[in-house]
Amino acid sequence: MSQARIDQILAHELEHVRRMDAGLLWFVGLARAILWFHPLVAWAARDLKRSQEEACDDAAVRVSESPLSYARLLLEYAAQL
């Protein structure tokens, strides 16, 4: 794996750490467990996760030589799944 790709991956993951996403997701999980019957809670949890990933993707794009290179990285990862 090239250094540029490693930098993109690290930028994405370190942005999760900087934003304290894990703690927020724990709190959201607790809210979903308590309010499992409320459809807006499930919707808000999905929207929060999507927003977190978009923000971290933005951080990865900032360290990329181009947005296209990060898009290729994501597509290659998806193809491996």
N, C-alpha and C. Protein backbone atom coordinates (compact mmCIF):
# COMPACT_ATOMS: atom_id res chain seq x y z
N MET A 1 0.85 -1.16 0.00
CA MET A 1 0.00 0.00 0.00
C MET A 1 0.91 1.24 0.00
N SER A 2 0.53 2.21 -0.77
CA SER A 2 1.35 3.42 -0.89
C SER A 2 1.20 4.30 0.35
N GLN A 3 2.18 5.16 0.54
CA GLN A 3 2.14 6.08 1.68
C GLN A 3 0.95 7.04 1.58
N ALA A 4 0.60 7.44 0.37
CA ALA A 4 -0.55 8.34 0.19
C ALA A 4 -1.84 7.69 0.67
N ARG A 5 -2.00 6.41 0.37
CA ARG A 5 -3.21 5.71 0.82
C ARG A 5 -3.23 5.54 2.33
N ILE A 6 -2.07 5.24 2.89
CA ILE A 6 -1.98 5.11 4.35
C ILE A 6 -2.34 6.44 5.00
N ASP A 7 -1.85 7.53 4.43
CA ASP A 7 -2.16 8.86 4.96
C ASP A 7 -3.66 9.15 4.90
N GLN A 8 -4.31 8.74 3.82
CA GLN A 8 -5.75 8.95 3.68
C GLN A 8 -6.52 8.16 4.74
N ILE A 9 -6.15 6.91 4.91
CA ILE A 9 -6.82 6.06 5.89
C ILE A 9 -6.62 6.61 7.31
N LEU A 10 -5.39 6.97 7.62
CA LEU A 10 -5.11 7.52 8.95
C LEU A 10 -5.83 8.84 9.18
N ALA A 11 -5.89 9.68 8.18
CA ALA A 11 -6.61 10.95 8.33
C ALA A 11 -8.07 10.70 8.65
N HIS A 12 -8.66 9.73 7.96
CA HIS A 12 -10.07 9.39 8.20
C HIS A 12 -10.26 8.90 9.64
N GLU A 13 -9.45 7.94 10.04
CA GLU A 13 -9.63 7.34 11.36
C GLU A 13 -9.26 8.31 12.48
N LEU A 14 -8.22 9.11 12.30
CA LEU A 14 -7.85 10.08 13.33
C LEU A 14 -8.90 11.18 13.48
N GLU A 15 -9.62 11.46 12.41
CA GLU A 15 -10.71 12.43 12.51
C GLU A 15 -11.83 11.88 13.41
N HIS A 16 -12.08 10.55 13.32
CA HIS A 16 -13.05 9.93 14.24
C HIS A 16 -12.60 10.13 15.69
N VAL A 17 -11.30 9.94 15.94
CA VAL A 17 -10.77 10.11 17.31
C VAL A 17 -10.88 11.56 17.74
N ARG A 18 -10.48 12.49 16.87
CA ARG A 18 -10.53 13.91 17.21
C ARG A 18 -11.95 14.37 17.54
N ARG A 19 -12.91 13.85 16.79
CA ARG A 19 -14.31 14.25 16.98
C ARG A 19 -14.99 13.48 18.12
N MET A 20 -14.30 12.50 18.69
CA MET A 20 -14.84 11.65 19.76
C MET A 20 -16.12 10.93 19.31
N ASP A 21 -16.08 10.40 18.11
CA ASP A 21 -17.24 9.72 17.54
C ASP A 21 -17.62 8.46 18.30
N ALA A 22 -16.65 7.74 18.82
CA ALA A 22 -16.95 6.48 19.53
C ALA A 22 -17.82 6.74 20.76
N GLY A 23 -17.48 7.77 21.51
CA GLY A 23 -18.27 8.10 22.70
C GLY A 23 -19.68 8.53 22.35
N LEU A 24 -19.80 9.31 21.29
CA LEU A 24 -21.12 9.75 20.86
C LEU A 24 -21.95 8.56 20.37
N LEU A 25 -21.32 7.64 19.65
CA LEU A 25 -22.05 6.46 19.19
C LEU A 25 -22.48 5.57 20.36
N TRP A 26 -21.68 5.53 21.41
CA TRP A 26 -22.08 4.78 22.60
C TRP A 26 -23.34 5.39 23.20
N PHE A 27 -23.35 6.71 23.32
CA PHE A 27 -24.51 7.41 23.87
C PHE A 27 -25.74 7.18 22.98
N VAL A 28 -25.56 7.24 21.68
CA VAL A 28 -26.67 7.02 20.74
C VAL A 28 -27.18 5.58 20.87
N GLY A 29 -26.26 4.64 21.04
CA GLY A 29 -26.68 3.25 21.24
C GLY A 29 -27.51 3.08 22.49
N LEU A 30 -27.13 3.78 23.54
CA LEU A 30 -27.91 3.75 24.78
C LEU A 30 -29.30 4.34 24.55
N ALA A 31 -29.35 5.47 23.86
CA ALA A 31 -30.64 6.10 23.57
C ALA A 31 -31.52 5.18 22.73
N ARG A 32 -30.91 4.49 21.77
CA ARG A 32 -31.69 3.56 20.95
C ARG A 32 -32.19 2.38 21.77
N ALA A 33 -31.40 1.93 22.73
CA ALA A 33 -31.83 0.82 23.58
C ALA A 33 -33.01 1.23 24.45
N ILE A 34 -32.99 2.45 24.94
CA ILE A 34 -34.07 2.91 25.81
C ILE A 34 -35.31 3.28 24.99
N LEU A 35 -35.09 3.95 23.87
CA LEU A 35 -36.21 4.44 23.05
C LEU A 35 -36.36 3.62 21.76
N TRP A 36 -36.20 2.31 21.85
CA TRP A 36 -36.21 1.44 20.68
C TRP A 36 -37.50 1.53 19.87
N PHE A 37 -38.55 1.91 20.50
CA PHE A 37 -39.86 1.94 19.86
C PHE A 37 -40.11 3.22 19.05
N HIS A 38 -39.26 4.22 19.20
CA HIS A 38 -39.50 5.51 18.56
C HIS A 38 -38.76 5.57 17.21
N PRO A 39 -39.48 5.71 16.11
CA PRO A 39 -38.84 5.68 14.79
C PRO A 39 -37.88 6.85 14.54
N LEU A 40 -38.12 8.00 15.17
CA LEU A 40 -37.22 9.14 14.96
C LEU A 40 -35.84 8.90 15.58
N VAL A 41 -35.78 8.11 16.63
CA VAL A 41 -34.49 7.81 17.25
C VAL A 41 -33.64 6.98 16.29
N ALA A 42 -34.24 6.00 15.65
CA ALA A 42 -33.50 5.18 14.67
C ALA A 42 -33.07 6.04 13.49
N TRP A 43 -33.94 6.91 13.02
CA TRP A 43 -33.60 7.79 11.91
C TRP A 43 -32.45 8.72 12.28
N ALA A 44 -32.52 9.31 13.47
CA ALA A 44 -31.47 10.23 13.92
C ALA A 44 -30.13 9.52 14.08
N ALA A 45 -30.16 8.28 14.57
CA ALA A 45 -28.92 7.52 14.73
C ALA A 45 -28.28 7.24 13.38
N ARG A 46 -29.07 6.85 12.39
CA ARG A 46 -28.53 6.60 11.05
C ARG A 46 -27.98 7.89 10.44
N ASP A 47 -28.70 8.99 10.62
CA ASP A 47 -28.26 10.26 10.07
C ASP A 47 -26.96 10.73 10.74
N LEU A 48 -26.84 10.52 12.04
CA LEU A 48 -25.62 10.89 12.75
C LEU A 48 -24.44 10.10 12.23
N LYS A 49 -24.61 8.78 12.07
CA LYS A 49 -23.51 7.94 11.57
C LYS A 49 -23.09 8.38 10.17
N ARG A 50 -24.06 8.68 9.32
CA ARG A 50 -23.75 9.13 7.96
C ARG A 50 -22.98 10.45 8.01
N SER A 51 -23.41 11.35 8.86
CA SER A 51 -22.74 12.65 8.99
C SER A 51 -21.31 12.49 9.51
N GLN A 52 -21.12 11.58 10.46
CA GLN A 52 -19.78 11.32 10.98
C GLN A 52 -18.86 10.82 9.87
N GLU A 53 -19.34 9.88 9.10
CA GLU A 53 -18.52 9.33 8.02
C GLU A 53 -18.20 10.37 6.96
N GLU A 54 -19.17 11.21 6.64
CA GLU A 54 -18.92 12.27 5.65
C GLU A 54 -17.87 13.25 6.15
N ALA A 55 -17.93 13.62 7.43
CA ALA A 55 -16.95 14.55 7.99
C ALA A 55 -15.55 13.93 7.97
N CYS A 56 -15.46 12.66 8.28
CA CYS A 56 -14.16 11.99 8.28
C CYS A 56 -13.65 11.78 6.86
N ASP A 57 -14.54 11.52 5.93
CA ASP A 57 -14.14 11.44 4.53
C ASP A 57 -13.60 12.78 4.05
N ASP A 58 -14.20 13.87 4.49
CA ASP A 58 -13.70 15.20 4.13
C ASP A 58 -12.27 15.39 4.62
N ALA A 59 -11.97 14.91 5.81
CA ALA A 59 -10.61 15.01 6.34
C ALA A 59 -9.64 14.19 5.48
N ALA A 60 -10.07 13.03 5.04
CA ALA A 60 -9.21 12.19 4.19
C ALA A 60 -8.98 12.84 2.84
N VAL A 61 -9.99 13.48 2.31
CA VAL A 61 -9.84 14.16 1.01
C VAL A 61 -8.87 15.32 1.14
N ARG A 62 -8.87 16.00 2.28
CA ARG A 62 -7.96 17.14 2.46
C ARG A 62 -6.49 16.73 2.39
N VAL A 63 -6.16 15.50 2.80
CA VAL A 63 -4.76 15.07 2.74
C VAL A 63 -4.45 14.34 1.43
N SER A 64 -5.46 14.13 0.60
CA SER A 64 -5.27 13.43 -0.67
C SER A 64 -4.72 14.38 -1.72
N GLU A 65 -4.08 13.77 -2.73
CA GLU A 65 -3.65 14.59 -3.85
C GLU A 65 -4.84 15.03 -4.68
N SER A 66 -5.93 14.23 -4.64
CA SER A 66 -7.17 14.62 -5.31
C SER A 66 -8.33 13.82 -4.70
N PRO A 67 -9.53 14.35 -4.78
CA PRO A 67 -10.68 13.59 -4.28
C PRO A 67 -10.86 12.26 -5.02
N LEU A 68 -10.45 12.22 -6.26
CA LEU A 68 -10.57 11.00 -7.05
C LEU A 68 -9.72 9.87 -6.47
N SER A 69 -8.56 10.19 -5.94
CA SER A 69 -7.70 9.13 -5.38
C SER A 69 -8.36 8.51 -4.15
N TYR A 70 -9.02 9.34 -3.33
CA TYR A 70 -9.71 8.78 -2.17
C TYR A 70 -10.93 7.97 -2.60
N ALA A 71 -11.62 8.43 -3.62
CA ALA A 71 -12.77 7.68 -4.15
C ALA A 71 -12.32 6.31 -4.66
N ARG A 72 -11.18 6.28 -5.32
CA ARG A 72 -10.65 4.98 -5.79
C ARG A 72 -10.34 4.06 -4.62
N LEU A 73 -9.76 4.61 -3.57
CA LEU A 73 -9.46 3.82 -2.37
C LEU A 73 -10.74 3.22 -1.80
N LEU A 74 -11.79 4.01 -1.69
CA LEU A 74 -13.06 3.51 -1.16
C LEU A 74 -13.66 2.44 -2.05
N LEU A 75 -13.59 2.63 -3.37
CA LEU A 75 -14.13 1.64 -4.29
C LEU A 75 -13.35 0.34 -4.24
N GLU A 76 -12.04 0.43 -4.12
CA GLU A 76 -11.23 -0.79 -4.01
C GLU A 76 -11.54 -1.54 -2.71
N TYR A 77 -11.74 -0.79 -1.65
CA TYR A 77 -12.10 -1.41 -0.37
C TYR A 77 -13.47 -2.09 -0.48
N ALA A 78 -14.42 -1.41 -1.08
CA ALA A 78 -15.77 -1.99 -1.25
C ALA A 78 -15.72 -3.24 -2.11
N ALA A 79 -14.87 -3.25 -3.12
CA ALA A 79 -14.76 -4.43 -3.99
C ALA A 79 -14.20 -5.62 -3.22
N GLN A 80 -13.34 -5.36 -2.25
CA GLN A 80 -12.78 -6.45 -1.44
C GLN A 80 -13.81 -7.06 -0.51
N LEU A 81 -14.82 -6.28 -0.15
CA LEU A 81 -15.86 -6.80 0.75
C LEU A 81 -16.73 -7.76 0.00
